[in-house]
Amino acid sequence: MSGQVLSEVSALVAPEREAELVTSYRELVAGPLPDGLIRTELLRGPGHRWRVQSLWRDRAALEAVRSNPKLAAAPRLFADVGAEPELTVFQVTASQIGSLALD
């Protein structure tokens, strides 16, 4: 089993603020990323539901970011566009990339 965790921050975003969210996310990831962040994506779903999913090396890397308000960027992205962010953290228990199993 991997020590990796996946954080998911989601919110309903008003249609007129969606472009602002996308721009802010692109600006954020263009800069230096926090230590331990492996991958991050901004996802748009039905009904104006948006998510930032981020894969972290381990829970300690995620907690280091969450403990510093300046680094906890995903919740702030949503708050800045007037949305109420919800955070969920998942333990990665099995993973597959192409034909390479990462259990």
C-alpha atoms as a PDB file:
ATOM      1  CA  MET A   1       0.000   0.000   0.000  1.00  0.00           C
ATOM      2  CA  SER A   2       1.153   3.494  -0.877  1.00  0.00           C
ATOM      3  CA  GLY A   3       1.521   6.305   1.630  1.00  0.00           C
ATOM      4  CA  GLN A   4       0.039   8.678  -0.939  1.00  0.00           C
ATOM      5  CA  VAL A   5      -3.160  10.619  -0.301  1.00  0.00           C
ATOM      6  CA  LEU A   6      -5.512  12.400  -2.672  1.00  0.00           C
ATOM      7  CA  SER A   7      -7.123  15.621  -1.533  1.00  0.00           C
ATOM      8  CA  GLU A   8     -10.284  16.811  -3.180  1.00  0.00           C
ATOM      9  CA  VAL A   9     -11.589  20.322  -2.673  1.00  0.00           C
ATOM     10  CA  SER A  10     -14.938  20.912  -4.346  1.00  0.00           C
ATOM     11  CA  ALA A  11     -17.558  23.620  -4.560  1.00  0.00           C
ATOM     12  CA  LEU A  12     -20.456  24.931  -6.577  1.00  0.00           C
ATOM     13  CA  VAL A  13     -19.231  27.932  -8.549  1.00  0.00           C
ATOM     14  CA  ALA A  14     -21.529  30.568 -10.009  1.00  0.00           C
ATOM     15  CA  PRO A  15     -21.406  30.439 -13.821  1.00  0.00           C
ATOM     16  CA  GLU A  16     -20.242  34.046 -14.051  1.00  0.00           C
ATOM     17  CA  ARG A  17     -17.209  33.239 -11.813  1.00  0.00           C
ATOM     18  CA  GLU A  18     -16.048  30.043 -13.573  1.00  0.00           C
ATOM     19  CA  ALA A  19     -13.626  31.778 -15.964  1.00  0.00           C
ATOM     20  CA  GLU A  20     -12.050  33.566 -12.992  1.00  0.00           C
ATOM     21  CA  LEU A  21     -11.591  30.218 -11.211  1.00  0.00           C
ATOM     22  CA  VAL A  22      -9.866  28.688 -14.245  1.00  0.00           C
ATOM     23  CA  THR A  23      -7.561  31.699 -14.644  1.00  0.00           C
ATOM     24  CA  SER A  24      -6.647  31.692 -10.952  1.00  0.00           C
ATOM     25  CA  TYR A  25      -5.904  27.955 -11.002  1.00  0.00           C
ATOM     26  CA  ARG A  26      -3.655  28.311 -14.082  1.00  0.00           C
ATOM     27  CA  GLU A  27      -1.766  31.179 -12.439  1.00  0.00           C
ATOM     28  CA  LEU A  28      -1.378  29.162  -9.252  1.00  0.00           C
ATOM     29  CA  VAL A  29       0.098  26.073 -10.902  1.00  0.00           C
ATOM     30  CA  ALA A  30       2.402  28.162 -13.103  1.00  0.00           C
ATOM     31  CA  GLY A  31       4.339  29.108  -9.972  1.00  0.00           C
ATOM     32  CA  PRO A  32       6.331  26.929  -7.591  1.00  0.00           C
ATOM     33  CA  LEU A  33       4.355  23.984  -6.246  1.00  0.00           C
ATOM     34  CA  PRO A  34       4.527  22.762  -2.640  1.00  0.00           C
ATOM     35  CA  ASP A  35       6.912  20.027  -1.630  1.00  0.00           C
ATOM     36  CA  GLY A  36       5.240  16.639  -1.842  1.00  0.00           C
ATOM     37  CA  LEU A  37       2.639  17.585  -4.467  1.00  0.00           C
ATOM     38  CA  ILE A  38       2.775  14.945  -7.202  1.00  0.00           C
ATOM     39  CA  ARG A  39      -0.154  15.947  -9.412  1.00  0.00           C
ATOM     40  CA  THR A  40      -3.081  18.357  -9.408  1.00  0.00           C
ATOM     41  CA  GLU A  41      -6.074  18.913 -11.685  1.00  0.00           C
ATOM     42  CA  LEU A  42      -8.975  21.319 -11.895  1.00  0.00           C
ATOM     43  CA  LEU A  43     -12.110  19.409 -12.896  1.00  0.00           C
ATOM     44  CA  ARG A  44     -15.491  20.721 -14.046  1.00  0.00           C
ATOM     45  CA  GLY A  45     -18.550  18.579 -13.450  1.00  0.00           C
ATOM     46  CA  PRO A  46     -22.270  18.875 -14.032  1.00  0.00           C
ATOM     47  CA  GLY A  47     -24.316  21.553 -12.336  1.00  0.00           C
ATOM     48  CA  HIS A  48     -21.396  24.006 -11.915  1.00  0.00           C
ATOM     49  CA  ARG A  49     -19.617  21.607  -9.512  1.00  0.00           C
ATOM     50  CA  TRP A  50     -15.839  22.102  -9.650  1.00  0.00           C
ATOM     51  CA  ARG A  51     -13.050  20.107  -7.989  1.00  0.00           C
ATOM     52  CA  VAL A  52      -9.340  20.431  -7.425  1.00  0.00           C
ATOM     53  CA  GLN A  53      -7.870  16.971  -6.975  1.00  0.00           C
ATOM     54  CA  SER A  54      -4.282  16.793  -5.790  1.00  0.00           C
ATOM     55  CA  LEU A  55      -2.119  13.724  -5.271  1.00  0.00           C
ATOM     56  CA  TRP A  56       0.366  14.035  -2.393  1.00  0.00           C
ATOM     57  CA  ARG A  57       3.456  12.010  -1.542  1.00  0.00           C
ATOM     58  CA  ASP A  58       2.004  11.323   1.916  1.00  0.00           C
ATOM     59  CA  ARG A  59      -0.342  12.754   4.518  1.00  0.00           C
ATOM     60  CA  ALA A  60       2.517  14.696   6.154  1.00  0.00           C
ATOM     61  CA  ALA A  61       3.105  16.667   2.929  1.00  0.00           C
ATOM     62  CA  LEU A  62      -0.603  17.513   2.711  1.00  0.00           C
ATOM     63  CA  GLU A  63      -0.798  18.480   6.378  1.00  0.00           C
ATOM     64  CA  ALA A  64       2.253  20.751   6.037  1.00  0.00           C
ATOM     65  CA  VAL A  65       0.415  22.685   3.338  1.00  0.00           C
ATOM     66  CA  ARG A  66      -2.944  22.696   5.141  1.00  0.00           C
ATOM     67  CA  SER A  67      -1.349  24.046   8.326  1.00  0.00           C
ATOM     68  CA  ASN A  68      -0.109  27.152   6.497  1.00  0.00           C
ATOM     69  CA  PRO A  69      -2.975  29.385   5.258  1.00  0.00           C
ATOM     70  CA  LYS A  70      -0.676  30.934   2.639  1.00  0.00           C
ATOM     71  CA  LEU A  71      -0.063  27.500   1.093  1.00  0.00           C
ATOM     72  CA  ALA A  72      -3.591  26.043   1.370  1.00  0.00           C
ATOM     73  CA  ALA A  73      -4.381  27.217  -2.137  1.00  0.00           C
ATOM     74  CA  ALA A  74      -7.310  25.083  -3.328  1.00  0.00           C
ATOM     75  CA  PRO A  75      -9.776  26.199  -0.630  1.00  0.00           C
ATOM     76  CA  ARG A  76      -8.698  29.793  -1.197  1.00  0.00           C
ATOM     77  CA  LEU A  77      -9.283  29.509  -4.975  1.00  0.00           C
ATOM     78  CA  PHE A  78     -12.912  28.633  -4.345  1.00  0.00           C
ATOM     79  CA  ALA A  79     -13.409  31.186  -1.572  1.00  0.00           C
ATOM     80  CA  ASP A  80     -12.012  33.920  -3.824  1.00  0.00           C
ATOM     81  CA  VAL A  81     -14.812  33.264  -6.354  1.00  0.00           C
ATOM     82  CA  GLY A  82     -17.497  33.298  -3.662  1.00  0.00           C
ATOM     83  CA  ALA A  83     -17.867  29.521  -3.344  1.00  0.00           C
ATOM     84  CA  GLU A  84     -17.928  27.416  -0.165  1.00  0.00           C
ATOM     85  CA  PRO A  85     -15.163  24.777  -0.459  1.00  0.00           C
ATOM     86  CA  GLU A  86     -15.498  21.239   0.903  1.00  0.00           C
ATOM     87  CA  LEU A  87     -12.388  19.134   1.577  1.00  0.00           C
ATOM     88  CA  THR A  88     -12.166  15.346   1.438  1.00  0.00           C
ATOM     89  CA  VAL A  89      -8.958  13.331   1.821  1.00  0.00           C
ATOM     90  CA  PHE A  90      -8.595   9.813   0.424  1.00  0.00           C
ATOM     91  CA  GLN A  91      -5.864   7.270   1.191  1.00  0.00           C
ATOM     92  CA  VAL A  92      -4.511   5.797  -2.043  1.00  0.00           C
ATOM     93  CA  THR A  93      -4.836   2.037  -1.607  1.00  0.00           C
ATOM     94  CA  ALA A  94      -4.172   0.894  -5.189  1.00  0.00           C
ATOM     95  CA  SER A  95      -3.161   2.702  -8.361  1.00  0.00           C
ATOM     96  CA  GLN A  96      -2.644   1.937 -12.048  1.00  0.00           C
ATOM     97  CA  ILE A  97      -0.814   4.006 -14.644  1.00  0.00           C
ATOM     98  CA  GLY A  98      -1.001   2.579 -18.150  1.00  0.00           C
ATOM     99  CA  SER A  99       0.115  -1.009 -17.785  1.00  0.00           C
ATOM    100  CA  LEU A 100       2.157  -0.389 -14.615  1.00  0.00           C
ATOM    101  CA  ALA A 101       0.465  -1.379 -11.336  1.00  0.00           C
ATOM    102  CA  LEU A 102       1.480   0.787  -8.363  1.00  0.00           C
ATOM    103  CA  ASP A 103       0.091  -1.177  -5.382  1.00  0.00           C
END
